[in-house]
Amino acid sequence: MQELEVKPETVESVGAELREVAIEPMNYMFGRIMEVLTVVGLIVMFVPGIIYVVTGKGFLSRELVVKNWGLKASAFWEKVMGIKVFGYSWFLSHLNAMDCLSIVGVCILAITPLISLFGAEIKADSKYKVLIGILIIEFLFAIFRPILMGH
């Protein structure tokens, strides 16, 4: 049986008494990675997003974005940029634009659970490694299926 680590962050208040709660290393690693990457993703999303809204300097015109926001994605891109968009190249090739850089933050937030699962698997007991491995495969399938199947 593996001994549980007790971290200083695991102190919980129960009424007027304080008690320590042990957190398994696997769960601690998962939670810590989630916490750090969520903060990073939010900063990377909001800071360029605010700069884009304030300055209006980006890949897309703010006025056209607002005017056409309710359209389906294909119609939106044809109206706003006059192009058909496939995949992620449209924002990855324009990372100098604040609106595209903001989307990198959204991507960080989207893959945060996957990265956290990798971290948890490193610290997991062997009985959990298989289950976490299955979850990782499912996440990867969900991410790459639209790319591989052309959706």
Protein backbone atom coordinates (compact mmCIF):
# COMPACT_ATOMS: atom_id res chain seq x y z
CA MET A 1 0.00 0.00 0.00
CA GLN A 2 1.36 3.37 -0.99
CA GLU A 3 1.69 5.97 1.73
CA LEU A 4 -0.28 9.15 1.05
CA GLU A 5 1.44 12.50 0.97
CA VAL A 6 -0.08 15.30 2.99
CA LYS A 7 0.54 18.66 1.41
CA PRO A 8 0.15 21.98 3.25
CA GLU A 9 -2.66 22.85 0.83
CA THR A 10 -4.73 19.93 2.12
CA VAL A 11 -5.87 21.57 5.33
CA GLU A 12 -9.66 21.85 5.35
CA SER A 13 -11.92 23.73 7.70
CA VAL A 14 -14.75 21.77 9.29
CA GLY A 15 -16.78 24.07 11.46
CA ALA A 16 -14.47 25.44 14.13
CA GLU A 17 -11.96 22.58 13.92
CA LEU A 18 -9.19 22.14 11.38
CA ARG A 19 -8.19 18.73 10.14
CA GLU A 20 -5.70 17.49 7.61
CA VAL A 21 -6.95 15.61 4.59
CA ALA A 22 -4.61 13.30 2.69
CA ILE A 23 -4.62 13.63 -1.09
CA GLU A 24 -3.18 10.89 -3.25
CA PRO A 25 -0.22 12.04 -5.36
CA MET A 26 -2.12 11.21 -8.56
CA ASN A 27 -5.02 13.49 -7.61
CA TYR A 28 -2.72 16.23 -6.36
CA MET A 29 -0.78 16.19 -9.66
CA PHE A 30 -3.97 16.28 -11.73
CA GLY A 31 -5.40 19.18 -9.74
CA ARG A 32 -2.18 21.18 -9.70
CA ILE A 33 -1.68 20.89 -13.47
CA MET A 34 -5.34 21.84 -14.03
CA GLU A 35 -4.91 24.89 -11.81
CA VAL A 36 -1.70 26.15 -13.42
CA LEU A 37 -2.75 25.58 -17.04
CA THR A 38 -6.17 27.13 -16.44
CA VAL A 39 -4.55 30.32 -15.18
CA VAL A 40 -2.10 30.34 -18.11
CA GLY A 41 -4.89 29.69 -20.63
CA LEU A 42 -7.10 32.43 -19.20
CA ILE A 43 -4.24 34.95 -19.27
CA VAL A 44 -3.29 34.01 -22.84
CA MET A 45 -6.96 34.27 -23.85
CA PHE A 46 -7.97 37.47 -22.06
CA VAL A 47 -4.92 39.73 -22.40
CA PRO A 48 -4.71 39.59 -26.23
CA GLY A 49 -8.53 39.56 -26.39
CA ILE A 50 -8.77 42.78 -24.42
CA ILE A 51 -6.02 44.36 -26.54
CA TYR A 52 -7.96 43.34 -29.67
CA VAL A 53 -11.24 44.78 -28.39
CA VAL A 54 -9.60 48.04 -27.25
CA THR A 55 -7.34 48.64 -30.27
CA GLY A 56 -9.29 46.85 -32.99
CA LYS A 57 -6.03 45.59 -34.47
CA GLY A 58 -6.35 41.97 -35.37
CA PHE A 59 -6.77 39.47 -38.16
CA LEU A 60 -10.50 40.17 -38.36
CA SER A 61 -12.32 43.50 -38.44
CA ARG A 62 -14.25 44.01 -35.18
CA GLU A 63 -17.17 45.61 -37.00
CA LEU A 64 -17.53 42.74 -39.48
CA VAL A 65 -17.18 40.16 -36.70
CA VAL A 66 -19.99 41.73 -34.68
CA LYS A 67 -22.20 42.19 -37.75
CA ASN A 68 -21.83 38.55 -38.88
CA TRP A 69 -21.45 36.72 -35.55
CA GLY A 70 -24.75 34.82 -35.84
CA LEU A 71 -23.87 33.13 -39.14
CA LYS A 72 -22.72 29.53 -39.56
CA ALA A 73 -18.92 29.24 -39.58
CA SER A 74 -18.59 28.78 -43.36
CA ALA A 75 -20.86 31.75 -44.11
CA PHE A 76 -19.11 33.85 -41.46
CA TRP A 77 -15.69 33.34 -43.04
CA GLU A 78 -16.98 34.05 -46.53
CA LYS A 79 -18.66 37.29 -45.37
CA VAL A 80 -15.88 38.54 -43.11
CA MET A 81 -12.75 37.47 -45.01
CA GLY A 82 -13.99 36.20 -48.35
CA ILE A 83 -12.28 32.84 -47.76
CA LYS A 84 -13.14 29.22 -47.01
CA VAL A 85 -11.46 27.99 -43.85
CA PHE A 86 -10.27 24.43 -43.27
CA GLY A 87 -8.58 23.28 -40.09
CA TYR A 88 -6.63 25.54 -37.79
CA SER A 89 -4.19 27.17 -40.19
CA TRP A 90 -6.14 30.44 -40.27
CA PHE A 91 -5.18 31.40 -36.72
CA LEU A 92 -1.90 29.50 -36.41
CA SER A 93 -0.47 31.40 -39.38
CA HIS A 94 -1.49 34.78 -37.89
CA LEU A 95 -0.24 34.60 -34.30
CA ASN A 96 0.98 38.20 -34.53
CA ALA A 97 -2.70 39.29 -34.54
CA MET A 98 -4.25 39.69 -31.09
CA ASP A 99 -7.52 37.92 -31.94
CA CYS A 100 -5.64 34.86 -33.21
CA LEU A 101 -3.28 34.89 -30.23
CA SER A 102 -6.32 34.92 -27.95
CA ILE A 103 -7.48 31.66 -29.54
CA VAL A 104 -4.22 30.03 -28.40
CA GLY A 105 -5.51 30.57 -24.84
CA VAL A 106 -8.72 28.77 -25.75
CA CYS A 107 -6.63 25.89 -27.13
CA ILE A 108 -4.61 25.73 -23.90
CA LEU A 109 -7.84 25.53 -21.91
CA ALA A 110 -9.18 22.82 -24.23
CA ILE A 111 -6.17 20.54 -23.80
CA THR A 112 -5.66 21.20 -20.08
CA PRO A 113 -7.60 18.08 -18.96
CA LEU A 114 -5.56 15.92 -21.34
CA ILE A 115 -2.24 17.25 -20.07
CA SER A 116 -3.49 16.84 -16.49
CA LEU A 117 -4.31 13.20 -17.20
CA PHE A 118 -0.76 12.62 -18.45
CA GLY A 119 0.53 14.12 -15.20
CA ALA A 120 -1.83 12.03 -13.10
CA GLU A 121 -0.81 8.85 -14.92
CA ILE A 122 2.83 9.44 -13.98
CA LYS A 123 1.91 9.43 -10.28
CA ALA A 124 -0.86 6.80 -10.48
CA ASP A 125 -0.77 3.30 -9.03
CA SER A 126 -0.68 0.55 -11.63
CA LYS A 127 -4.36 -0.25 -11.10
CA TYR A 128 -5.29 3.28 -12.26
CA LYS A 129 -2.81 3.54 -15.12
CA VAL A 130 -4.99 1.46 -17.46
CA LEU A 131 -8.10 3.54 -16.76
CA ILE A 132 -6.24 6.81 -17.19
CA GLY A 133 -4.67 5.44 -20.38
CA ILE A 134 -8.15 4.73 -21.77
CA LEU A 135 -9.24 8.28 -20.90
CA ILE A 136 -6.17 9.69 -22.65
CA ILE A 137 -6.91 7.65 -25.78
CA GLU A 138 -10.52 8.89 -25.76
CA PHE A 139 -9.37 12.52 -25.44
CA LEU A 140 -6.89 12.08 -28.29
CA PHE A 141 -9.54 10.46 -30.46
CA ALA A 142 -11.95 13.34 -29.76
CA ILE A 143 -9.28 15.88 -30.69
CA PHE A 144 -8.01 14.23 -33.86
CA ARG A 145 -11.20 12.65 -35.22
CA PRO A 146 -12.48 15.88 -36.84
CA ILE A 147 -9.07 16.51 -38.39
CA LEU A 148 -8.62 12.97 -39.70
CA MET A 149 -12.21 12.52 -40.87
CA GLY A 150 -12.40 15.93 -42.55
CA HIS A 151 -15.08 17.52 -40.37
